[in-house]
N, C-alpha and C. Protein backbone atom coordinates (compact mmCIF):
# COMPACT_ATOMS: atom_id res chain seq x y z
N UNK A 1 -4.16 -7.16 15.17
CA UNK A 1 -4.18 -5.95 15.31
C UNK A 1 -5.18 -5.51 14.24
N UNK A 2 -5.90 -4.38 14.74
CA UNK A 2 -6.98 -4.07 13.49
C UNK A 2 -7.14 -2.58 14.09
N UNK A 3 -6.44 -2.09 13.17
CA UNK A 3 -6.64 -0.83 13.12
C UNK A 3 -7.88 0.09 12.17
N UNK A 4 -8.45 0.91 12.26
CA UNK A 4 -9.85 1.89 11.86
C UNK A 4 -9.00 3.33 11.36
N UNK A 5 -9.01 3.43 10.21
CA UNK A 5 -8.49 4.76 10.10
C UNK A 5 -9.66 5.69 9.47
N UNK A 6 -10.75 5.66 10.21
CA UNK A 6 -12.13 6.18 9.70
C UNK A 6 -12.36 6.65 8.57
N UNK A 7 -12.14 5.31 7.71
CA UNK A 7 -12.93 6.20 6.33
C UNK A 7 -13.55 4.69 6.17
N UNK A 8 -13.68 3.65 6.99
CA UNK A 8 -14.29 2.41 6.50
C UNK A 8 -13.21 1.29 6.00
N UNK A 9 -11.90 1.60 5.83
CA UNK A 9 -11.27 1.17 5.74
C UNK A 9 -10.69 0.04 6.98
N UNK A 10 -10.34 -1.09 6.90
CA UNK A 10 -9.58 -1.84 8.05
C UNK A 10 -8.56 -2.28 7.51
N UNK A 11 -7.38 -2.05 8.52
CA UNK A 11 -5.94 -2.71 8.50
C UNK A 11 -6.08 -3.94 9.43
N UNK A 12 -5.55 -4.99 9.22
CA UNK A 12 -5.42 -6.15 9.87
C UNK A 12 -3.86 -6.03 9.58
N UNK A 13 -3.61 -6.56 11.13
CA UNK A 13 -2.10 -6.82 10.64
C UNK A 13 -1.86 -8.46 11.94
N UNK A 14 -1.70 -8.83 11.00
CA UNK A 14 -1.66 -10.46 11.80
C UNK A 14 -0.09 -11.20 11.97
N UNK A 15 -0.23 -11.42 12.96
CA UNK A 15 0.95 -12.08 13.14
C UNK A 15 1.02 -13.60 13.04
N UNK A 16 2.00 -14.58 11.82
CA UNK A 16 1.37 -15.96 11.29
C UNK A 16 2.67 -16.76 12.15
N UNK A 17 3.40 -16.48 12.09
CA UNK A 17 4.69 -17.23 12.92
C UNK A 17 5.03 -15.74 13.61
N UNK A 18 6.06 -17.18 14.11
CA UNK A 18 6.81 -15.85 15.16
C UNK A 18 7.45 -14.32 14.67
N UNK A 19 7.78 -14.67 13.63
CA UNK A 19 8.53 -13.05 13.18
C UNK A 19 7.99 -12.71 12.06
N UNK A 20 6.74 -13.27 11.42
CA UNK A 20 6.31 -13.14 9.90
C UNK A 20 4.50 -12.86 10.32
N UNK A 21 4.65 -11.20 9.54
CA UNK A 21 3.20 -10.65 9.62
C UNK A 21 2.71 -10.71 8.68
N UNK A 22 1.49 -10.65 8.04
CA UNK A 22 0.95 -10.34 7.48
C UNK A 22 -0.46 -8.65 7.49
N UNK A 23 0.02 -8.21 6.31
CA UNK A 23 -0.94 -6.86 6.16
C UNK A 23 -1.97 -6.69 5.20
N UNK A 24 -3.16 -6.54 5.20
CA UNK A 24 -4.58 -6.72 4.75
C UNK A 24 -5.10 -5.70 5.11
N UNK A 25 -5.47 -4.42 3.83
CA UNK A 25 -6.27 -3.30 3.63
C UNK A 25 -7.60 -4.26 2.65
N UNK A 26 -8.88 -3.28 2.75
CA UNK A 26 -9.41 -3.52 1.40
C UNK A 26 -10.61 -4.79 1.85
N UNK A 27 -10.66 -5.40 3.25
CA UNK A 27 -11.55 -6.19 3.33
C UNK A 27 -11.28 -7.14 2.53
N UNK A 28 -10.01 -7.28 2.25
CA UNK A 28 -9.45 -9.17 1.24
C UNK A 28 -9.34 -9.91 2.33
N UNK A 29 -9.79 -10.87 2.27
CA UNK A 29 -9.72 -12.29 2.58
C UNK A 29 -9.10 -13.01 1.68
N UNK A 30 -8.05 -13.92 2.26
CA UNK A 30 -7.72 -14.95 1.12
C UNK A 30 -6.61 -15.88 1.55
N UNK A 31 -6.40 -16.77 1.00
CA UNK A 31 -5.15 -18.02 1.15
C UNK A 31 -4.30 -17.54 0.69
N UNK A 32 -2.86 -17.97 0.95
CA UNK A 32 -1.81 -18.31 0.36
C UNK A 32 -1.07 -19.09 -0.27
N UNK A 33 -1.56 -20.35 0.22
CA UNK A 33 -1.28 -21.67 -0.32
C UNK A 33 -0.19 -22.19 0.78
N UNK A 34 0.84 -22.85 0.33
CA UNK A 34 1.53 -23.29 1.35
C UNK A 34 2.66 -22.76 1.99
N UNK A 35 3.16 -22.97 3.20
CA UNK A 35 3.82 -22.43 3.51
C UNK A 35 5.19 -21.36 2.64
N UNK A 36 5.13 -20.52 2.93
CA UNK A 36 6.75 -20.05 2.17
C UNK A 36 7.68 -19.22 3.52
N UNK A 37 8.70 -19.67 3.27
CA UNK A 37 9.85 -19.41 4.06
C UNK A 37 10.32 -17.99 3.50
N UNK A 38 10.20 -17.16 4.59
CA UNK A 38 10.90 -15.69 3.87
C UNK A 38 12.44 -15.57 4.74
N UNK A 39 13.09 -14.93 4.24
CA UNK A 39 14.21 -14.61 4.56
C UNK A 39 14.48 -13.34 5.07
N UNK A 40 15.52 -12.88 5.19
CA UNK A 40 15.83 -11.59 5.83
C UNK A 40 15.20 -10.13 4.96
N UNK A 41 14.75 -9.31 5.32
CA UNK A 41 14.20 -8.37 4.49
C UNK A 41 13.67 -8.96 3.31
N UNK A 42 12.59 -9.88 3.25
CA UNK A 42 11.82 -10.39 1.76
C UNK A 42 10.95 -10.22 2.05
N UNK A 43 9.77 -9.63 1.53
CA UNK A 43 8.55 -9.86 1.65
C UNK A 43 7.89 -10.86 0.50
N UNK A 44 6.65 -11.16 0.83
CA UNK A 44 5.77 -11.16 -0.63
C UNK A 44 4.47 -10.62 -0.78
N UNK A 45 4.51 -10.49 -1.90
CA UNK A 45 2.84 -9.75 -2.11
C UNK A 45 2.44 -10.35 -3.42
N UNK A 46 1.27 -10.93 -2.40
CA UNK A 46 0.44 -11.72 -3.33
C UNK A 46 -0.19 -10.95 -4.82
N UNK A 47 -0.18 -11.45 -5.61
CA UNK A 47 -0.82 -10.68 -6.62
C UNK A 47 -2.23 -10.51 -6.77
N UNK A 48 -3.39 -9.92 -7.68
CA UNK A 48 -4.77 -9.23 -7.59
C UNK A 48 -4.73 -9.50 -9.12
N UNK A 49 -5.13 -10.75 -9.85
CA UNK A 49 -6.16 -10.57 -11.14
C UNK A 49 -4.88 -10.70 -11.84
N UNK A 50 -3.93 -10.69 -11.67
CA UNK A 50 -2.64 -10.66 -12.88
C UNK A 50 -1.69 -11.21 -11.67
N UNK A 51 -0.15 -12.47 -12.61
CA UNK A 51 0.73 -12.45 -12.08
C UNK A 51 1.71 -11.53 -11.84
N UNK A 52 1.45 -9.85 -12.63
CA UNK A 52 2.70 -8.85 -12.39
C UNK A 52 2.01 -7.41 -12.09
N UNK A 53 2.89 -6.25 -11.57
CA UNK A 53 2.04 -4.77 -10.95
C UNK A 53 1.22 -4.83 -11.88
N UNK A 54 0.06 -4.38 -11.58
CA UNK A 54 -0.98 -3.81 -12.50
C UNK A 54 -0.47 -2.40 -13.85
N UNK A 55 -0.49 -2.66 -14.74
CA UNK A 55 -0.16 -1.15 -15.61
C UNK A 55 -1.40 -0.37 -15.78
N UNK A 56 -1.35 0.88 -15.78
CA UNK A 56 -2.09 2.38 -15.47
C UNK A 56 -1.62 3.18 -16.04
N UNK A 57 -2.52 3.63 -16.59
CA UNK A 57 -2.07 5.13 -18.07
C UNK A 57 -3.24 6.22 -17.78
N UNK A 58 -2.29 7.55 -17.86
CA UNK A 58 -1.40 7.90 -18.33
C UNK A 58 -0.13 7.79 -17.51
N UNK A 59 -0.46 7.75 -16.04
CA UNK A 59 0.54 7.40 -14.82
C UNK A 59 -0.24 6.99 -13.83
N UNK A 60 0.36 6.74 -12.68
CA UNK A 60 0.06 6.17 -11.40
C UNK A 60 -0.80 7.63 -10.44
N UNK A 61 -0.02 8.83 -10.55
CA UNK A 61 -0.87 9.93 -10.25
C UNK A 61 -1.91 10.19 -11.00
N UNK A 62 -2.28 10.44 -12.42
CA UNK A 62 -3.26 10.78 -13.05
C UNK A 62 -4.33 9.64 -12.58
N UNK A 63 -3.85 8.49 -13.13
CA UNK A 63 -4.91 7.15 -12.71
C UNK A 63 -5.63 7.51 -11.83
N UNK A 64 -5.12 7.68 -10.73
CA UNK A 64 -5.33 8.06 -9.19
C UNK A 64 -6.36 9.01 -9.35
N UNK A 65 -6.24 10.09 -9.52
CA UNK A 65 -6.99 11.48 -10.25
C UNK A 65 -8.29 11.61 -10.88
N UNK A 66 -7.97 10.60 -11.62
CA UNK A 66 -8.88 10.29 -12.81
C UNK A 66 -10.17 9.39 -11.79
N UNK A 67 -9.53 8.16 -11.40
CA UNK A 67 -10.62 7.79 -10.35
C UNK A 67 -11.01 7.88 -9.27
N UNK A 68 -10.63 8.84 -8.32
CA UNK A 68 -11.15 9.17 -7.01
C UNK A 68 -10.99 10.23 -7.04
N UNK A 69 -10.85 11.14 -6.10
CA UNK A 69 -10.75 13.05 -5.06
C UNK A 69 -9.20 13.10 -6.12
N UNK A 70 -9.18 14.09 -6.77
CA UNK A 70 -7.57 15.01 -7.26
C UNK A 70 -7.44 15.50 -5.87
N UNK A 71 -8.14 16.05 -5.54
CA UNK A 71 -7.55 17.10 -4.06
C UNK A 71 -6.49 16.05 -2.89
N UNK A 72 -6.89 14.82 -2.93
CA UNK A 72 -6.30 14.29 -2.21
C UNK A 72 -4.80 13.26 -2.38
N UNK A 73 -4.96 13.74 -3.90
CA UNK A 73 -3.86 13.02 -4.25
C UNK A 73 -2.67 14.38 -4.56
N UNK A 74 -3.14 15.46 -4.40
CA UNK A 74 -2.43 16.71 -4.17
C UNK A 74 -2.17 17.07 -2.80
N UNK A 75 -2.55 16.74 -1.70
CA UNK A 75 -2.25 16.99 -0.52
C UNK A 75 -1.49 15.75 -0.33
N UNK A 76 -1.76 14.74 -0.83
CA UNK A 76 -0.32 13.59 -0.85
C UNK A 76 0.84 14.24 -1.24
N UNK A 77 1.19 14.68 -2.39
CA UNK A 77 2.39 15.56 -2.48
C UNK A 77 2.78 16.32 -2.24
N UNK A 78 1.88 17.19 -1.62
CA UNK A 78 2.46 18.27 -0.90
C UNK A 78 3.06 17.99 0.29
N UNK A 79 2.17 16.87 0.75
CA UNK A 79 2.85 16.19 2.04
C UNK A 79 4.07 15.95 1.91
N UNK A 80 4.25 15.01 0.78
CA UNK A 80 5.77 14.39 0.40
C UNK A 80 7.23 15.85 0.77
N UNK A 81 6.19 17.43 -0.15
CA UNK A 81 7.47 18.57 -0.65
C UNK A 81 7.17 18.95 1.01
N UNK A 82 6.37 18.79 1.71
CA UNK A 82 6.94 19.62 3.13
C UNK A 82 7.42 18.90 4.10
N UNK A 83 7.02 17.57 4.10
CA UNK A 83 6.99 16.58 5.61
C UNK A 83 8.30 15.88 5.06
N UNK A 84 8.44 15.35 3.54
CA UNK A 84 9.31 14.34 3.70
C UNK A 84 10.34 15.21 2.39
N UNK A 85 10.55 16.04 1.99
CA UNK A 85 11.35 17.12 0.99
C UNK A 85 12.33 16.02 0.42
N UNK A 86 13.14 14.92 1.60
CA UNK A 86 13.89 14.21 0.77
C UNK A 86 13.69 13.14 -0.33
N UNK A 87 12.75 12.98 0.03
CA UNK A 87 11.86 11.51 -0.94
C UNK A 87 10.94 12.55 -1.66
N UNK A 88 10.87 13.95 -1.97
CA UNK A 88 9.99 14.11 -3.29
C UNK A 88 10.12 14.01 -4.57
N UNK A 89 11.34 14.31 -4.53
CA UNK A 89 11.29 14.13 -6.24
C UNK A 89 11.58 12.36 -6.59
N UNK A 90 11.93 12.16 -5.82
CA UNK A 90 12.02 10.37 -6.08
C UNK A 90 10.79 10.16 -6.13
N UNK A 91 9.53 10.51 -5.17
CA UNK A 91 8.55 9.95 -5.41
C UNK A 91 7.45 10.59 -6.48
N UNK A 92 7.54 11.83 -6.42
CA UNK A 92 7.29 11.82 -8.18
C UNK A 92 7.44 11.93 -9.05
N UNK A 93 8.99 11.53 -9.18
CA UNK A 93 9.16 10.21 -10.25
C UNK A 93 8.41 8.93 -10.52
N UNK A 94 8.39 8.44 -8.95
CA UNK A 94 7.87 7.11 -9.35
C UNK A 94 6.27 7.35 -9.72
N UNK A 95 5.53 7.93 -9.27
CA UNK A 95 4.20 8.49 -9.26
C UNK A 95 3.88 8.78 -10.79
N UNK A 96 4.68 9.22 -11.72
CA UNK A 96 4.76 9.69 -13.19
C UNK A 96 4.94 8.02 -14.22
N UNK A 97 4.90 7.18 -12.99
CA UNK A 97 5.35 6.15 -13.57
C UNK A 97 4.00 4.99 -14.24
N UNK A 98 4.01 3.60 -14.43
CA UNK A 98 2.87 3.34 -14.90
C UNK A 98 2.88 2.21 -14.25
N UNK A 99 2.83 1.58 -12.90
CA UNK A 99 3.08 0.32 -12.55
C UNK A 99 3.17 0.27 -10.71
N UNK A 100 1.77 0.07 -10.57
CA UNK A 100 1.88 -0.60 -8.72
C UNK A 100 0.95 -1.57 -8.30
N UNK A 101 1.03 -2.10 -7.10
CA UNK A 101 0.72 -3.55 -6.73
C UNK A 101 -0.52 -3.39 -5.99
N UNK A 102 -1.73 -3.38 -6.34
CA UNK A 102 -3.15 -3.55 -5.99
C UNK A 102 -3.41 -4.16 -5.08
N UNK A 103 -4.29 -4.00 -4.73
CA UNK A 103 -4.50 -4.89 -3.34
C UNK A 103 -4.17 -4.98 -1.84
N UNK A 104 -3.06 -4.04 -1.81
CA UNK A 104 -2.81 -3.92 -0.28
C UNK A 104 -2.54 -5.56 0.74
N UNK A 105 -1.88 -6.08 -0.20
CA UNK A 105 -1.75 -7.58 0.84
C UNK A 105 -0.27 -7.63 0.79
N UNK A 106 0.42 -7.86 1.94
CA UNK A 106 1.82 -8.92 1.89
C UNK A 106 1.93 -9.21 3.46
N UNK A 107 3.30 -10.37 2.99
CA UNK A 107 3.62 -10.75 4.27
C UNK A 107 5.36 -10.56 4.32
N UNK A 108 5.53 -10.27 5.83
CA UNK A 108 7.23 -9.78 5.48
C UNK A 108 7.24 -10.23 6.60
N UNK A 109 8.54 -9.90 7.45
CA UNK A 109 9.41 -10.77 8.75
C UNK A 109 8.71 -8.77 9.46
N UNK A 110 8.57 -9.53 10.62
CA UNK A 110 8.18 -8.23 11.56
C UNK A 110 9.29 -6.89 11.38
N UNK A 111 10.08 -6.87 11.19
CA UNK A 111 10.98 -5.87 11.24
C UNK A 111 10.98 -5.00 9.35
N UNK A 112 10.31 -5.94 8.75
CA UNK A 112 10.32 -5.43 7.32
C UNK A 112 8.83 -4.55 7.39
N UNK A 113 8.10 -5.13 8.08
CA UNK A 113 6.66 -4.54 8.36
C UNK A 113 6.64 -3.66 9.27
N UNK A 114 7.71 -3.34 10.03
CA UNK A 114 7.43 -2.17 11.15
C UNK A 114 8.18 -1.04 10.30
N UNK A 115 8.98 -1.21 9.32
CA UNK A 115 9.26 0.18 8.55
C UNK A 115 8.42 0.61 7.74
N UNK A 116 7.77 -0.73 7.28
CA UNK A 116 6.69 0.05 6.39
C UNK A 116 5.72 0.98 7.22
N UNK A 117 5.27 0.31 7.96
CA UNK A 117 4.09 0.90 8.82
C UNK A 117 4.48 2.36 9.44
N UNK A 118 5.71 2.26 10.47
CA UNK A 118 6.14 3.63 10.69
C UNK A 118 6.18 4.65 9.81
N UNK A 119 6.95 4.22 8.33
CA UNK A 119 6.83 4.97 7.53
C UNK A 119 5.74 5.52 6.99
N UNK A 120 4.38 4.85 6.84
CA UNK A 120 3.30 4.98 5.80
C UNK A 120 2.51 5.71 6.77
N UNK A 121 2.06 5.08 7.95
CA UNK A 121 0.50 5.69 8.65
C UNK A 121 0.74 7.33 8.57
N UNK A 122 1.82 7.68 9.37
CA UNK A 122 1.56 9.07 9.46
C UNK A 122 1.22 9.90 8.13
N UNK A 123 1.75 9.32 6.91
CA UNK A 123 1.23 9.64 6.03
C UNK A 123 -0.09 9.53 5.38
N UNK A 124 -0.82 8.14 5.90
CA UNK A 124 -2.50 7.97 5.96
C UNK A 124 -3.41 8.62 6.71
N UNK A 125 -2.63 8.89 7.83
CA UNK A 125 -3.49 9.25 8.69
C UNK A 125 -3.63 11.21 8.24
N UNK A 126 -2.41 11.53 7.79
CA UNK A 126 -2.10 12.79 7.27
C UNK A 126 -3.61 13.19 6.08
N UNK A 127 -3.34 12.42 5.07
CA UNK A 127 -4.53 12.18 3.55
C UNK A 127 -5.90 12.03 4.40
N UNK A 128 -5.90 10.74 5.52
CA UNK A 128 -7.70 10.75 5.77
C UNK A 128 -7.85 12.38 6.65
N UNK A 129 -6.94 12.93 7.88
CA UNK A 129 -7.44 14.31 8.04
C UNK A 129 -7.79 14.69 7.27
N UNK A 130 -7.03 15.15 5.97
CA UNK A 130 -7.96 16.15 5.41
C UNK A 130 -8.48 15.62 4.37
N UNK A 131 -8.37 14.45 4.15
CA UNK A 131 -9.74 14.28 3.13
C UNK A 131 -10.93 13.74 3.88
N UNK A 132 -11.15 13.36 4.98
CA UNK A 132 -12.57 13.78 5.65
C UNK A 132 -13.14 12.17 5.18
N UNK A 133 -14.71 12.39 5.67
CA UNK A 133 -15.37 11.42 5.68
C UNK A 133 -16.06 11.42 3.87
N UNK A 134 -16.33 10.40 3.35
CA UNK A 134 -17.10 10.83 1.97
C UNK A 134 -18.50 10.84 1.91
N UNK A 135 -19.30 10.79 0.86
CA UNK A 135 -20.54 10.12 1.17
C UNK A 135 -20.40 8.87 0.27
N UNK A 136 -19.96 8.82 -0.71
CA UNK A 136 -19.80 7.60 -1.54
C UNK A 136 -19.08 6.65 -1.18
N UNK A 137 -19.43 5.55 -0.01
CA UNK A 137 -18.96 4.63 0.25
C UNK A 137 -17.22 3.51 -0.26
N UNK A 138 -17.40 3.50 -1.25
CA UNK A 138 -16.39 3.02 -2.38
C UNK A 138 -15.19 3.71 -2.67
N UNK A 139 -15.62 5.60 -2.64
CA UNK A 139 -14.57 7.07 -2.61
C UNK A 139 -13.97 6.97 -0.58
N UNK A 140 -15.27 6.47 -0.01
CA UNK A 140 -14.60 6.47 1.15
C UNK A 140 -12.98 5.61 2.14
N UNK A 141 -13.36 5.29 0.60
CA UNK A 141 -11.72 3.73 0.71
C UNK A 141 -10.65 4.22 0.47
N UNK A 142 -10.59 5.69 0.19
CA UNK A 142 -9.49 6.77 -0.38
C UNK A 142 -8.01 6.26 0.30
N UNK A 143 -7.99 5.92 1.57
CA UNK A 143 -6.80 5.76 2.39
C UNK A 143 -6.23 4.90 2.19
N UNK A 144 -7.11 3.75 1.62
CA UNK A 144 -6.80 1.98 1.32
C UNK A 144 -6.07 2.48 -0.25
N UNK A 145 -6.86 3.64 -1.01
CA UNK A 145 -6.31 2.95 -2.33
C UNK A 145 -4.89 4.33 -2.29
N UNK A 146 -5.02 5.07 -1.59
CA UNK A 146 -3.79 5.50 -1.58
C UNK A 146 -2.62 4.70 -1.00
N UNK A 147 -2.89 3.73 0.09
CA UNK A 147 -1.74 2.79 0.80
C UNK A 147 -1.44 2.48 -0.70
N UNK A 148 -1.98 1.80 -1.70
CA UNK A 148 -1.94 0.49 -2.61
C UNK A 148 -0.72 1.46 -3.12
N UNK A 149 -0.65 2.49 -3.16
CA UNK A 149 0.39 3.66 -4.38
C UNK A 149 2.04 3.31 -3.11
N UNK A 150 1.39 4.26 -1.81
CA UNK A 150 2.72 4.10 -0.78
C UNK A 150 3.19 2.68 -1.16
N UNK A 151 2.21 1.70 -0.30
CA UNK A 151 3.31 0.69 -0.43
C UNK A 151 4.31 0.28 -1.83
N UNK A 152 3.57 0.14 -3.35
CA UNK A 152 4.52 0.04 -3.91
C UNK A 152 6.11 0.46 -3.70
N UNK A 153 5.37 2.20 -3.60
CA UNK A 153 6.99 3.06 -3.76
C UNK A 153 7.28 2.71 -2.40
N UNK A 154 7.26 2.13 -1.56
CA UNK A 154 7.83 2.24 -0.51
C UNK A 154 8.99 1.15 -0.78
N UNK A 155 8.61 0.01 -1.15
CA UNK A 155 9.66 -0.85 -1.24
C UNK A 155 10.09 -0.88 -2.71
N UNK A 156 9.65 -0.26 -3.96
CA UNK A 156 10.30 0.11 -4.94
C UNK A 156 11.64 1.09 -4.55
N UNK A 157 11.12 2.02 -4.23
CA UNK A 157 12.35 3.00 -3.31
C UNK A 157 13.26 2.68 -2.89
N UNK A 158 12.82 1.21 -2.28
CA UNK A 158 14.26 0.54 -1.46
C UNK A 158 14.65 -0.52 -1.40
N UNK A 159 14.81 -0.74 -3.23
CA UNK A 159 15.22 -2.29 -3.92
C UNK A 159 16.04 -2.85 -3.41
N UNK A 160 17.64 -1.80 -2.70
CA UNK A 160 18.67 -2.14 -2.38
C UNK A 160 18.45 -2.89 -0.50
N UNK A 161 17.17 -2.46 -0.21
CA UNK A 161 17.44 -3.53 1.19
C UNK A 161 16.20 -4.55 0.48
N UNK A 162 14.81 -4.66 0.42
CA UNK A 162 14.24 -5.04 0.40
C UNK A 162 13.88 -6.43 -1.03
N UNK A 163 13.56 -7.21 -0.86
CA UNK A 163 13.43 -8.32 -2.05
C UNK A 163 11.84 -8.67 -2.48
N UNK A 164 11.53 -7.78 -3.26
CA UNK A 164 9.79 -8.47 -3.28
C UNK A 164 9.65 -9.38 -4.03
N UNK A 165 9.20 -10.57 -3.76
CA UNK A 165 8.37 -11.84 -4.28
C UNK A 165 6.91 -12.23 -4.44
N UNK A 166 6.07 -12.13 -5.60
CA UNK A 166 5.03 -12.05 -6.00
C UNK A 166 4.39 -13.55 -5.58
N UNK A 167 3.45 -13.84 -5.36
CA UNK A 167 2.86 -15.09 -4.83
C UNK A 167 0.73 -14.85 -5.26
N UNK A 168 0.76 -16.13 -5.74
CA UNK A 168 -0.85 -16.51 -5.64
C UNK A 168 -1.47 -16.23 -4.62
N UNK A 169 -2.91 -15.58 -4.84
CA UNK A 169 -3.74 -15.99 -3.88
C UNK A 169 -4.83 -16.09 -4.07
N UNK A 170 -5.71 -16.77 -3.50
CA UNK A 170 -6.83 -17.16 -3.75
C UNK A 170 -8.00 -16.36 -2.94
N UNK A 171 -9.35 -15.73 -2.99
CA UNK A 171 -10.13 -15.58 -2.04
C UNK A 171 -10.95 -16.40 -1.75
N UNK A 172 -11.24 -16.42 -0.44
CA UNK A 172 -11.94 -17.46 0.49
C UNK A 172 -13.31 -17.37 0.53
N UNK A 173 -14.11 -15.92 0.03
CA UNK A 173 -15.18 -15.72 -0.33
C UNK A 173 -15.89 -15.85 -1.80
């Protein structure tokens, strides 16, 4: 399945095995090495350029606003406050932290990926509708940059339900 969220970002959701799927943003084509068997509620996040999540300062939120369009981040937080009020304080606290997983690539069982997509895509579509199209082709990828932070938050805030396993990746190009 391919979703285009009107920003130049492509989202590929691929079915690898019967119930294991992959999510790839940001035009990353990668090879994950030998087959890995995933248990229920487990996902694999291939790491990007390091074997740990990326450390940013002074915080995830401030780093995003310094590198991208700050009004998109402000809209994202306003969306949480209005539409997902039960998560607002948790997401705010998380985004005041310093670690997230870049590259938007993961492999998970279908129910795990479905839960992520059902939660995340309404948020991304709202942010993309708010932000519109950018002249700068790099900054026009902002839904993908927002999703990197959202995916990390989603699984971190649900640690009691999901287990994240990091794996190496090699670019095909």
